[in-house]
Amino acid sequence: MLKTFISGGLIAAAGLVASTTVYAADLSVKAVMAPTQVIKMDFNDGSKHFVAMVRREGTAEGSGALAGASVTEYGWHDINPPKGADPHGYLQFKAANGDIANIKWTVRAVFFKGAEKPRLADYGFWELVSGTGQFEGQTGVGTLTIKPASKTDRTFTLDGELGPKA
């Protein structure tokens, strides 16, 4: 009887642990980012090559743990028309309660022929590299696109998963 009680208790405890296990959750957010600071270097070599160090700010809207957070981009945009571009940087999401998620991102961009001028298409990936509060001990990864929202603003779209580290 004692053996049955112990075995049954262990099985019940294992079931309780299994039912409270937290897994990664999907997220999908968009943030229209407006530049607050831009430092630009033109190569001045007859090409259209330039580098822009950009700080942009916006608010993430959508679903998942990053929705509703304010977001700041710290980006390095190496643009060499018509060959392509290699933007990368960090996005810092700050939730209303002050929790921070630091995301590293990398994009490859190519130019397509457009009706009036070339069109730039930016596709890449993101990874959660650190965080505080609810983002501490978390990991995440997904896809990133950057599209024009206006002449100066950009829409960053992040889709993927966020959850506890293994």
N, C-alpha and C. Protein backbone atom coordinates (compact mmCIF):
# COMPACT_ATOMS: atom_id res chain seq x y z
N MET A 1 0.82 -1.19 0.00
CA MET A 1 0.00 0.00 0.00
C MET A 1 0.86 1.25 0.00
N LEU A 2 1.94 1.26 0.81
CA LEU A 2 2.84 2.40 0.83
C LEU A 2 3.47 2.60 -0.53
N LYS A 3 3.88 1.49 -1.18
CA LYS A 3 4.48 1.55 -2.51
C LYS A 3 3.48 2.15 -3.51
N THR A 4 2.23 1.74 -3.43
CA THR A 4 1.19 2.27 -4.32
C THR A 4 0.98 3.75 -4.07
N PHE A 5 0.97 4.19 -2.83
CA PHE A 5 0.80 5.60 -2.47
C PHE A 5 1.95 6.44 -3.01
N ILE A 6 3.19 5.97 -2.82
CA ILE A 6 4.37 6.70 -3.30
C ILE A 6 4.35 6.78 -4.82
N SER A 7 4.09 5.65 -5.49
CA SER A 7 4.04 5.63 -6.95
C SER A 7 2.95 6.56 -7.47
N GLY A 8 1.78 6.49 -6.89
CA GLY A 8 0.68 7.34 -7.31
C GLY A 8 0.98 8.81 -7.07
N GLY A 9 1.63 9.11 -5.93
CA GLY A 9 2.01 10.49 -5.62
C GLY A 9 3.03 11.03 -6.60
N LEU A 10 4.00 10.20 -6.98
CA LEU A 10 5.01 10.63 -7.96
C LEU A 10 4.40 10.86 -9.32
N ILE A 11 3.50 9.99 -9.71
CA ILE A 11 2.83 10.15 -11.00
C ILE A 11 1.99 11.43 -10.99
N ALA A 12 1.28 11.69 -9.90
CA ALA A 12 0.48 12.92 -9.81
C ALA A 12 1.37 14.16 -9.84
N ALA A 13 2.51 14.10 -9.12
CA ALA A 13 3.44 15.23 -9.11
C ALA A 13 4.01 15.45 -10.50
N ALA A 14 4.37 14.38 -11.21
CA ALA A 14 4.89 14.51 -12.57
C ALA A 14 3.84 15.12 -13.50
N GLY A 15 2.60 14.74 -13.33
CA GLY A 15 1.52 15.30 -14.13
C GLY A 15 1.33 16.78 -13.87
N LEU A 16 1.48 17.19 -12.60
CA LEU A 16 1.36 18.60 -12.24
C LEU A 16 2.49 19.41 -12.87
N VAL A 17 3.72 18.90 -12.82
CA VAL A 17 4.85 19.59 -13.45
C VAL A 17 4.63 19.69 -14.95
N ALA A 18 4.21 18.60 -15.57
CA ALA A 18 3.99 18.60 -17.02
C ALA A 18 2.89 19.59 -17.41
N SER A 19 1.88 19.72 -16.59
CA SER A 19 0.78 20.62 -16.95
C SER A 19 1.13 22.09 -16.74
N THR A 20 2.19 22.38 -15.97
CA THR A 20 2.58 23.77 -15.76
C THR A 20 3.80 24.17 -16.58
N THR A 21 4.28 23.28 -17.46
CA THR A 21 5.42 23.58 -18.31
C THR A 21 5.04 24.67 -19.30
N VAL A 22 5.91 25.65 -19.45
CA VAL A 22 5.67 26.75 -20.37
C VAL A 22 6.52 26.54 -21.61
N TYR A 23 5.92 26.68 -22.77
CA TYR A 23 6.62 26.51 -24.03
C TYR A 23 6.69 27.85 -24.76
N ALA A 24 7.41 27.87 -25.85
CA ALA A 24 7.51 29.08 -26.67
C ALA A 24 6.13 29.46 -27.20
N ALA A 25 5.93 30.75 -27.31
CA ALA A 25 4.67 31.28 -27.84
C ALA A 25 4.95 32.06 -29.12
N ASP A 26 4.01 32.00 -30.05
CA ASP A 26 4.13 32.75 -31.30
C ASP A 26 4.02 34.24 -31.02
N LEU A 27 4.70 35.01 -31.85
CA LEU A 27 4.52 36.46 -31.80
C LEU A 27 4.55 37.01 -33.21
N SER A 28 3.85 38.11 -33.38
CA SER A 28 3.79 38.81 -34.66
C SER A 28 3.53 40.27 -34.35
N VAL A 29 4.56 41.10 -34.55
CA VAL A 29 4.42 42.53 -34.28
C VAL A 29 4.94 43.36 -35.44
N LYS A 30 4.36 44.54 -35.56
CA LYS A 30 4.80 45.55 -36.52
C LYS A 30 5.04 46.84 -35.76
N ALA A 31 6.08 47.55 -36.17
CA ALA A 31 6.35 48.85 -35.56
C ALA A 31 6.76 49.82 -36.66
N VAL A 32 6.02 50.91 -36.80
CA VAL A 32 6.43 51.98 -37.71
C VAL A 32 7.47 52.79 -36.96
N MET A 33 8.68 52.82 -37.52
CA MET A 33 9.82 53.43 -36.84
C MET A 33 10.18 54.74 -37.53
N ALA A 34 10.20 55.82 -36.74
CA ALA A 34 10.56 57.14 -37.25
C ALA A 34 11.98 57.49 -36.79
N PRO A 35 12.81 58.02 -37.70
CA PRO A 35 14.18 58.35 -37.30
C PRO A 35 14.23 59.50 -36.31
N THR A 36 15.07 59.33 -35.28
CA THR A 36 15.32 60.40 -34.32
C THR A 36 16.77 60.88 -34.44
N GLN A 37 17.61 60.06 -35.07
CA GLN A 37 19.01 60.43 -35.26
C GLN A 37 19.57 59.63 -36.44
N VAL A 38 20.25 60.32 -37.35
CA VAL A 38 20.86 59.68 -38.50
C VAL A 38 22.25 60.26 -38.71
N ILE A 39 23.23 59.40 -38.83
CA ILE A 39 24.58 59.81 -39.22
C ILE A 39 24.86 59.08 -40.52
N LYS A 40 25.15 59.84 -41.58
CA LYS A 40 25.30 59.25 -42.90
C LYS A 40 26.69 59.52 -43.45
N MET A 41 27.28 58.48 -44.03
CA MET A 41 28.56 58.62 -44.70
C MET A 41 28.39 58.25 -46.17
N ASP A 42 28.61 59.20 -47.07
CA ASP A 42 28.61 58.92 -48.50
C ASP A 42 30.03 58.55 -48.90
N PHE A 43 30.16 57.57 -49.79
CA PHE A 43 31.50 57.14 -50.21
C PHE A 43 32.16 58.15 -51.14
N ASN A 44 31.36 58.98 -51.83
CA ASN A 44 31.90 60.02 -52.72
C ASN A 44 32.92 59.48 -53.71
N ASP A 45 32.62 58.31 -54.27
CA ASP A 45 33.53 57.67 -55.23
C ASP A 45 32.87 57.46 -56.59
N GLY A 46 31.77 58.17 -56.85
CA GLY A 46 31.04 58.01 -58.09
C GLY A 46 29.94 56.96 -58.00
N SER A 47 29.95 56.18 -56.92
CA SER A 47 28.89 55.18 -56.72
C SER A 47 27.78 55.81 -55.87
N LYS A 48 26.71 55.05 -55.65
CA LYS A 48 25.64 55.50 -54.77
C LYS A 48 25.78 54.88 -53.38
N HIS A 49 26.92 54.27 -53.11
CA HIS A 49 27.18 53.57 -51.85
C HIS A 49 27.21 54.55 -50.67
N PHE A 50 26.49 54.18 -49.60
CA PHE A 50 26.52 54.97 -48.38
C PHE A 50 26.26 54.07 -47.18
N VAL A 51 26.61 54.59 -46.02
CA VAL A 51 26.32 53.92 -44.75
C VAL A 51 25.54 54.90 -43.89
N ALA A 52 24.47 54.42 -43.29
CA ALA A 52 23.68 55.24 -42.38
C ALA A 52 23.59 54.55 -41.03
N MET A 53 23.99 55.27 -40.01
CA MET A 53 23.79 54.80 -38.63
C MET A 53 22.52 55.48 -38.16
N VAL A 54 21.53 54.67 -37.79
CA VAL A 54 20.19 55.19 -37.57
C VAL A 54 19.65 54.81 -36.20
N ARG A 55 19.03 55.77 -35.57
CA ARG A 55 18.23 55.49 -34.37
C ARG A 55 16.80 55.85 -34.74
N ARG A 56 15.91 54.86 -34.63
CA ARG A 56 14.50 55.07 -34.92
C ARG A 56 13.68 54.65 -33.71
N GLU A 57 12.49 55.23 -33.58
CA GLU A 57 11.62 54.88 -32.47
C GLU A 57 10.20 54.65 -32.96
N GLY A 58 9.50 53.76 -32.25
CA GLY A 58 8.11 53.46 -32.58
C GLY A 58 7.48 52.63 -31.48
N THR A 59 6.30 52.08 -31.78
CA THR A 59 5.57 51.22 -30.85
C THR A 59 5.17 49.95 -31.57
N ALA A 60 5.41 48.81 -30.93
CA ALA A 60 5.08 47.51 -31.51
C ALA A 60 3.59 47.22 -31.33
N GLU A 61 2.93 46.85 -32.41
CA GLU A 61 1.52 46.47 -32.37
C GLU A 61 1.38 45.08 -32.94
N GLY A 62 0.48 44.30 -32.38
CA GLY A 62 0.26 42.95 -32.88
C GLY A 62 -0.05 42.00 -31.75
N SER A 63 0.56 40.81 -31.80
CA SER A 63 0.29 39.79 -30.79
C SER A 63 1.60 39.23 -30.24
N GLY A 64 1.52 38.78 -29.00
CA GLY A 64 2.68 38.18 -28.36
C GLY A 64 3.29 39.11 -27.32
N ALA A 65 4.37 38.64 -26.71
CA ALA A 65 4.99 39.32 -25.57
C ALA A 65 5.53 40.72 -25.89
N LEU A 66 5.82 41.00 -27.17
CA LEU A 66 6.39 42.31 -27.53
C LEU A 66 5.32 43.34 -27.91
N ALA A 67 4.09 42.90 -28.07
CA ALA A 67 3.00 43.80 -28.48
C ALA A 67 2.79 44.87 -27.42
N GLY A 68 2.67 46.11 -27.86
CA GLY A 68 2.43 47.24 -26.97
C GLY A 68 3.69 47.88 -26.43
N ALA A 69 4.84 47.27 -26.67
CA ALA A 69 6.10 47.82 -26.16
C ALA A 69 6.58 48.97 -27.04
N SER A 70 7.28 49.92 -26.42
CA SER A 70 7.98 50.93 -27.22
C SER A 70 9.25 50.26 -27.74
N VAL A 71 9.68 50.67 -28.92
CA VAL A 71 10.85 50.01 -29.53
C VAL A 71 11.78 51.07 -30.12
N THR A 72 13.08 50.85 -29.92
CA THR A 72 14.11 51.72 -30.47
C THR A 72 15.05 50.89 -31.31
N GLU A 73 15.31 51.34 -32.53
CA GLU A 73 16.29 50.69 -33.41
C GLU A 73 17.62 51.40 -33.26
N TYR A 74 18.68 50.62 -33.16
CA TYR A 74 20.06 51.09 -33.26
C TYR A 74 20.64 50.33 -34.45
N GLY A 75 20.61 50.95 -35.64
CA GLY A 75 20.91 50.22 -36.87
C GLY A 75 22.11 50.74 -37.63
N TRP A 76 22.73 49.84 -38.36
CA TRP A 76 23.83 50.12 -39.27
C TRP A 76 23.37 49.67 -40.64
N HIS A 77 23.15 50.60 -41.56
CA HIS A 77 22.60 50.28 -42.87
C HIS A 77 23.66 50.57 -43.93
N ASP A 78 24.28 49.52 -44.45
CA ASP A 78 25.30 49.60 -45.50
C ASP A 78 24.58 49.37 -46.83
N ILE A 79 24.35 50.44 -47.57
CA ILE A 79 23.52 50.41 -48.78
C ILE A 79 24.40 50.71 -50.00
N ASN A 80 24.36 49.80 -50.99
CA ASN A 80 25.18 49.96 -52.18
C ASN A 80 24.36 49.68 -53.44
N PRO A 81 23.52 50.66 -53.85
CA PRO A 81 22.68 50.45 -55.04
C PRO A 81 23.53 50.31 -56.30
N PRO A 82 23.18 49.49 -57.22
CA PRO A 82 22.06 48.54 -57.23
C PRO A 82 22.48 47.14 -56.73
N LYS A 83 23.67 47.02 -56.17
CA LYS A 83 24.18 45.70 -55.75
C LYS A 83 23.38 45.10 -54.61
N GLY A 84 22.99 45.89 -53.63
CA GLY A 84 22.26 45.36 -52.49
C GLY A 84 22.60 46.13 -51.23
N ALA A 85 22.22 45.55 -50.09
CA ALA A 85 22.45 46.19 -48.81
C ALA A 85 22.54 45.14 -47.71
N ASP A 86 23.26 45.48 -46.66
CA ASP A 86 23.44 44.58 -45.52
C ASP A 86 23.15 45.31 -44.20
N PRO A 87 21.90 45.65 -43.93
CA PRO A 87 21.57 46.28 -42.67
C PRO A 87 21.61 45.28 -41.51
N HIS A 88 21.98 45.77 -40.34
CA HIS A 88 21.93 44.97 -39.12
C HIS A 88 21.93 45.90 -37.92
N GLY A 89 21.63 45.37 -36.78
CA GLY A 89 21.62 46.19 -35.58
C GLY A 89 20.87 45.53 -34.45
N TYR A 90 20.36 46.38 -33.57
CA TYR A 90 19.61 45.92 -32.40
C TYR A 90 18.31 46.67 -32.30
N LEU A 91 17.29 45.98 -31.83
CA LEU A 91 16.01 46.58 -31.47
C LEU A 91 15.86 46.40 -29.96
N GLN A 92 15.55 47.47 -29.26
CA GLN A 92 15.33 47.37 -27.83
C GLN A 92 13.85 47.66 -27.56
N PHE A 93 13.15 46.62 -27.11
CA PHE A 93 11.74 46.72 -26.78
C PHE A 93 11.62 46.99 -25.29
N LYS A 94 10.78 47.97 -24.92
CA LYS A 94 10.56 48.28 -23.51
C LYS A 94 9.07 48.19 -23.23
N ALA A 95 8.69 47.21 -22.41
CA ALA A 95 7.29 47.00 -22.05
C ALA A 95 6.82 48.12 -21.13
N ALA A 96 5.52 48.26 -20.99
CA ALA A 96 4.94 49.32 -20.15
C ALA A 96 5.43 49.24 -18.70
N ASN A 97 5.73 48.02 -18.23
CA ASN A 97 6.19 47.86 -16.85
C ASN A 97 7.70 48.05 -16.70
N GLY A 98 8.40 48.39 -17.80
CA GLY A 98 9.84 48.65 -17.76
C GLY A 98 10.71 47.47 -18.16
N ASP A 99 10.13 46.28 -18.35
CA ASP A 99 10.91 45.12 -18.78
C ASP A 99 11.48 45.37 -20.17
N ILE A 100 12.72 44.91 -20.40
CA ILE A 100 13.42 45.17 -21.66
C ILE A 100 13.76 43.87 -22.37
N ALA A 101 13.55 43.85 -23.70
CA ALA A 101 13.97 42.75 -24.57
C ALA A 101 14.93 43.32 -25.60
N ASN A 102 16.16 42.78 -25.65
CA ASN A 102 17.17 43.21 -26.61
C ASN A 102 17.26 42.20 -27.74
N ILE A 103 16.97 42.66 -28.94
CA ILE A 103 16.92 41.79 -30.11
C ILE A 103 17.97 42.20 -31.12
N LYS A 104 18.76 41.22 -31.54
CA LYS A 104 19.76 41.42 -32.60
C LYS A 104 19.10 41.03 -33.91
N TRP A 105 19.33 41.83 -34.96
CA TRP A 105 18.72 41.52 -36.25
C TRP A 105 19.73 41.69 -37.39
N THR A 106 19.50 40.94 -38.45
CA THR A 106 20.32 41.00 -39.65
C THR A 106 19.40 40.86 -40.86
N VAL A 107 19.65 41.67 -41.87
CA VAL A 107 18.82 41.66 -43.08
C VAL A 107 19.72 41.65 -44.31
N ARG A 108 19.28 40.99 -45.34
CA ARG A 108 19.88 41.11 -46.67
C ARG A 108 18.85 41.79 -47.54
N ALA A 109 19.28 42.82 -48.24
CA ALA A 109 18.37 43.57 -49.09
C ALA A 109 18.87 43.54 -50.53
N VAL A 110 17.93 43.43 -51.44
CA VAL A 110 18.25 43.46 -52.87
C VAL A 110 17.37 44.49 -53.56
N PHE A 111 17.87 44.98 -54.67
CA PHE A 111 17.12 45.96 -55.46
C PHE A 111 16.43 45.26 -56.62
N PHE A 112 15.14 45.54 -56.78
CA PHE A 112 14.37 45.06 -57.92
C PHE A 112 14.07 46.24 -58.83
N LYS A 113 13.97 45.95 -60.12
CA LYS A 113 13.60 46.99 -61.06
C LYS A 113 12.18 47.44 -60.76
N GLY A 114 11.98 48.74 -60.65
CA GLY A 114 10.65 49.31 -60.40
C GLY A 114 10.19 50.11 -61.59
N ALA A 115 8.94 50.52 -61.59
CA ALA A 115 8.37 51.30 -62.69
C ALA A 115 9.07 52.64 -62.83
N GLU A 116 9.32 53.32 -61.70
CA GLU A 116 9.95 54.64 -61.74
C GLU A 116 11.38 54.63 -61.22
N LYS A 117 11.64 53.82 -60.21
CA LYS A 117 12.98 53.72 -59.64
C LYS A 117 13.14 52.33 -59.01
N PRO A 118 14.36 51.92 -58.73
CA PRO A 118 14.56 50.59 -58.11
C PRO A 118 13.83 50.50 -56.76
N ARG A 119 13.37 49.27 -56.47
CA ARG A 119 12.68 49.01 -55.22
C ARG A 119 13.57 48.11 -54.36
N LEU A 120 13.74 48.48 -53.10
CA LEU A 120 14.57 47.73 -52.17
C LEU A 120 13.69 46.77 -51.37
N ALA A 121 14.07 45.48 -51.32
CA ALA A 121 13.36 44.48 -50.53
C ALA A 121 14.30 43.97 -49.44
N ASP A 122 13.86 44.12 -48.17
CA ASP A 122 14.66 43.76 -46.99
C ASP A 122 14.05 42.55 -46.28
N TYR A 123 14.77 41.43 -46.24
CA TYR A 123 14.31 40.23 -45.54
C TYR A 123 15.45 39.67 -44.71
N GLY A 124 15.13 39.26 -43.48
CA GLY A 124 16.17 38.72 -42.63
C GLY A 124 15.60 37.99 -41.43
N PHE A 125 16.37 38.02 -40.33
CA PHE A 125 15.98 37.30 -39.13
C PHE A 125 16.33 38.09 -37.89
N TRP A 126 15.75 37.69 -36.78
CA TRP A 126 16.01 38.32 -35.49
C TRP A 126 16.20 37.24 -34.44
N GLU A 127 16.89 37.64 -33.33
CA GLU A 127 17.10 36.74 -32.21
C GLU A 127 17.12 37.54 -30.91
N LEU A 128 16.38 37.07 -29.92
CA LEU A 128 16.42 37.69 -28.59
C LEU A 128 17.76 37.33 -27.96
N VAL A 129 18.56 38.33 -27.59
CA VAL A 129 19.89 38.07 -27.03
C VAL A 129 19.97 38.33 -25.53
N SER A 130 19.07 39.14 -24.97
CA SER A 130 19.04 39.36 -23.53
C SER A 130 17.76 40.09 -23.16
N GLY A 131 17.50 40.12 -21.84
CA GLY A 131 16.31 40.82 -21.40
C GLY A 131 16.27 40.94 -19.89
N THR A 132 15.32 41.74 -19.43
CA THR A 132 15.09 41.91 -18.00
C THR A 132 13.64 41.57 -17.70
N GLY A 133 13.33 41.34 -16.42
CA GLY A 133 11.95 41.05 -16.03
C GLY A 133 11.41 39.84 -16.75
N GLN A 134 10.25 39.98 -17.39
CA GLN A 134 9.61 38.86 -18.09
C GLN A 134 10.46 38.31 -19.23
N PHE A 135 11.45 39.06 -19.73
CA PHE A 135 12.29 38.61 -20.84
C PHE A 135 13.60 37.97 -20.37
N GLU A 136 13.87 38.03 -19.06
CA GLU A 136 15.07 37.39 -18.52
C GLU A 136 14.90 35.88 -18.60
N GLY A 137 15.94 35.18 -19.05
CA GLY A 137 15.87 33.73 -19.17
C GLY A 137 15.07 33.27 -20.37
N GLN A 138 14.75 34.18 -21.26
CA GLN A 138 13.97 33.86 -22.46
C GLN A 138 14.88 33.78 -23.68
N THR A 139 14.40 33.13 -24.69
CA THR A 139 15.07 33.09 -25.98
C THR A 139 14.01 33.27 -27.06
N GLY A 140 14.42 33.64 -28.24
CA GLY A 140 13.46 33.81 -29.31
C GLY A 140 14.16 33.98 -30.63
N VAL A 141 13.43 33.68 -31.69
CA VAL A 141 13.98 33.78 -33.04
C VAL A 141 12.83 33.92 -34.02
N GLY A 142 13.12 34.53 -35.16
CA GLY A 142 12.08 34.66 -36.17
C GLY A 142 12.55 35.43 -37.38
N THR A 143 11.60 35.78 -38.21
CA THR A 143 11.89 36.51 -39.45
C THR A 143 11.61 38.00 -39.26
N LEU A 144 12.29 38.78 -40.07
CA LEU A 144 12.15 40.24 -40.02
C LEU A 144 12.06 40.78 -41.44
N THR A 145 11.13 41.68 -41.65
CA THR A 145 11.08 42.44 -42.90
C THR A 145 11.07 43.92 -42.55
N ILE A 146 11.66 44.71 -43.43
CA ILE A 146 11.65 46.16 -43.29
C ILE A 146 11.07 46.72 -44.59
N LYS A 147 10.04 47.53 -44.46
CA LYS A 147 9.40 48.12 -45.64
C LYS A 147 9.19 49.61 -45.40
N PRO A 148 9.22 50.41 -46.47
CA PRO A 148 8.96 51.85 -46.30
C PRO A 148 7.54 52.11 -45.80
N ALA A 149 7.42 53.01 -44.83
CA ALA A 149 6.11 53.48 -44.38
C ALA A 149 5.87 54.89 -44.91
N SER A 150 6.96 55.60 -45.17
CA SER A 150 6.94 56.94 -45.76
C SER A 150 8.35 57.19 -46.29
N LYS A 151 8.62 58.41 -46.70
CA LYS A 151 9.95 58.72 -47.22
C LYS A 151 11.04 58.49 -46.16
N THR A 152 10.72 58.72 -44.89
CA THR A 152 11.72 58.58 -43.82
C THR A 152 11.44 57.41 -42.86
N ASP A 153 10.18 57.03 -42.69
CA ASP A 153 9.81 56.01 -41.71
C ASP A 153 9.85 54.61 -42.32
N ARG A 154 10.08 53.62 -41.47
CA ARG A 154 10.14 52.23 -41.91
C ARG A 154 9.24 51.38 -41.02
N THR A 155 8.62 50.36 -41.63
CA THR A 155 7.83 49.40 -40.87
C THR A 155 8.67 48.14 -40.67
N PHE A 156 8.96 47.84 -39.41
CA PHE A 156 9.67 46.61 -39.05
C PHE A 156 8.61 45.59 -38.65
N THR A 157 8.63 44.41 -39.28
CA THR A 157 7.70 43.34 -38.96
C THR A 157 8.49 42.13 -38.47
N LEU A 158 8.18 41.70 -37.24
CA LEU A 158 8.84 40.54 -36.65
C LEU A 158 7.80 39.45 -36.44
N ASP A 159 8.08 38.27 -36.96
CA ASP A 159 7.26 37.08 -36.73
C ASP A 159 8.19 36.01 -36.18
N GLY A 160 7.70 35.21 -35.25
CA GLY A 160 8.52 34.14 -34.72
C GLY A 160 7.99 33.60 -33.42
N GLU A 161 8.93 33.14 -32.58
CA GLU A 161 8.58 32.51 -31.31
C GLU A 161 9.45 33.08 -30.20
N LEU A 162 8.88 33.15 -29.00
CA LEU A 162 9.57 33.64 -27.81
C LEU A 162 9.16 32.75 -26.65
N GLY A 163 10.15 32.30 -25.87
CA GLY A 163 9.83 31.44 -24.74
C GLY A 163 11.06 31.17 -23.88
N PRO A 164 10.92 30.31 -22.87
CA PRO A 164 12.02 30.01 -21.95
C PRO A 164 13.17 29.30 -22.65
N LYS A 165 14.40 29.63 -22.21
CA LYS A 165 15.58 28.92 -22.70
C LYS A 165 15.55 27.48 -22.23
N ALA A 166 16.10 26.61 -23.04
CA ALA A 166 16.17 25.18 -22.68
C ALA A 166 17.19 24.96 -21.57
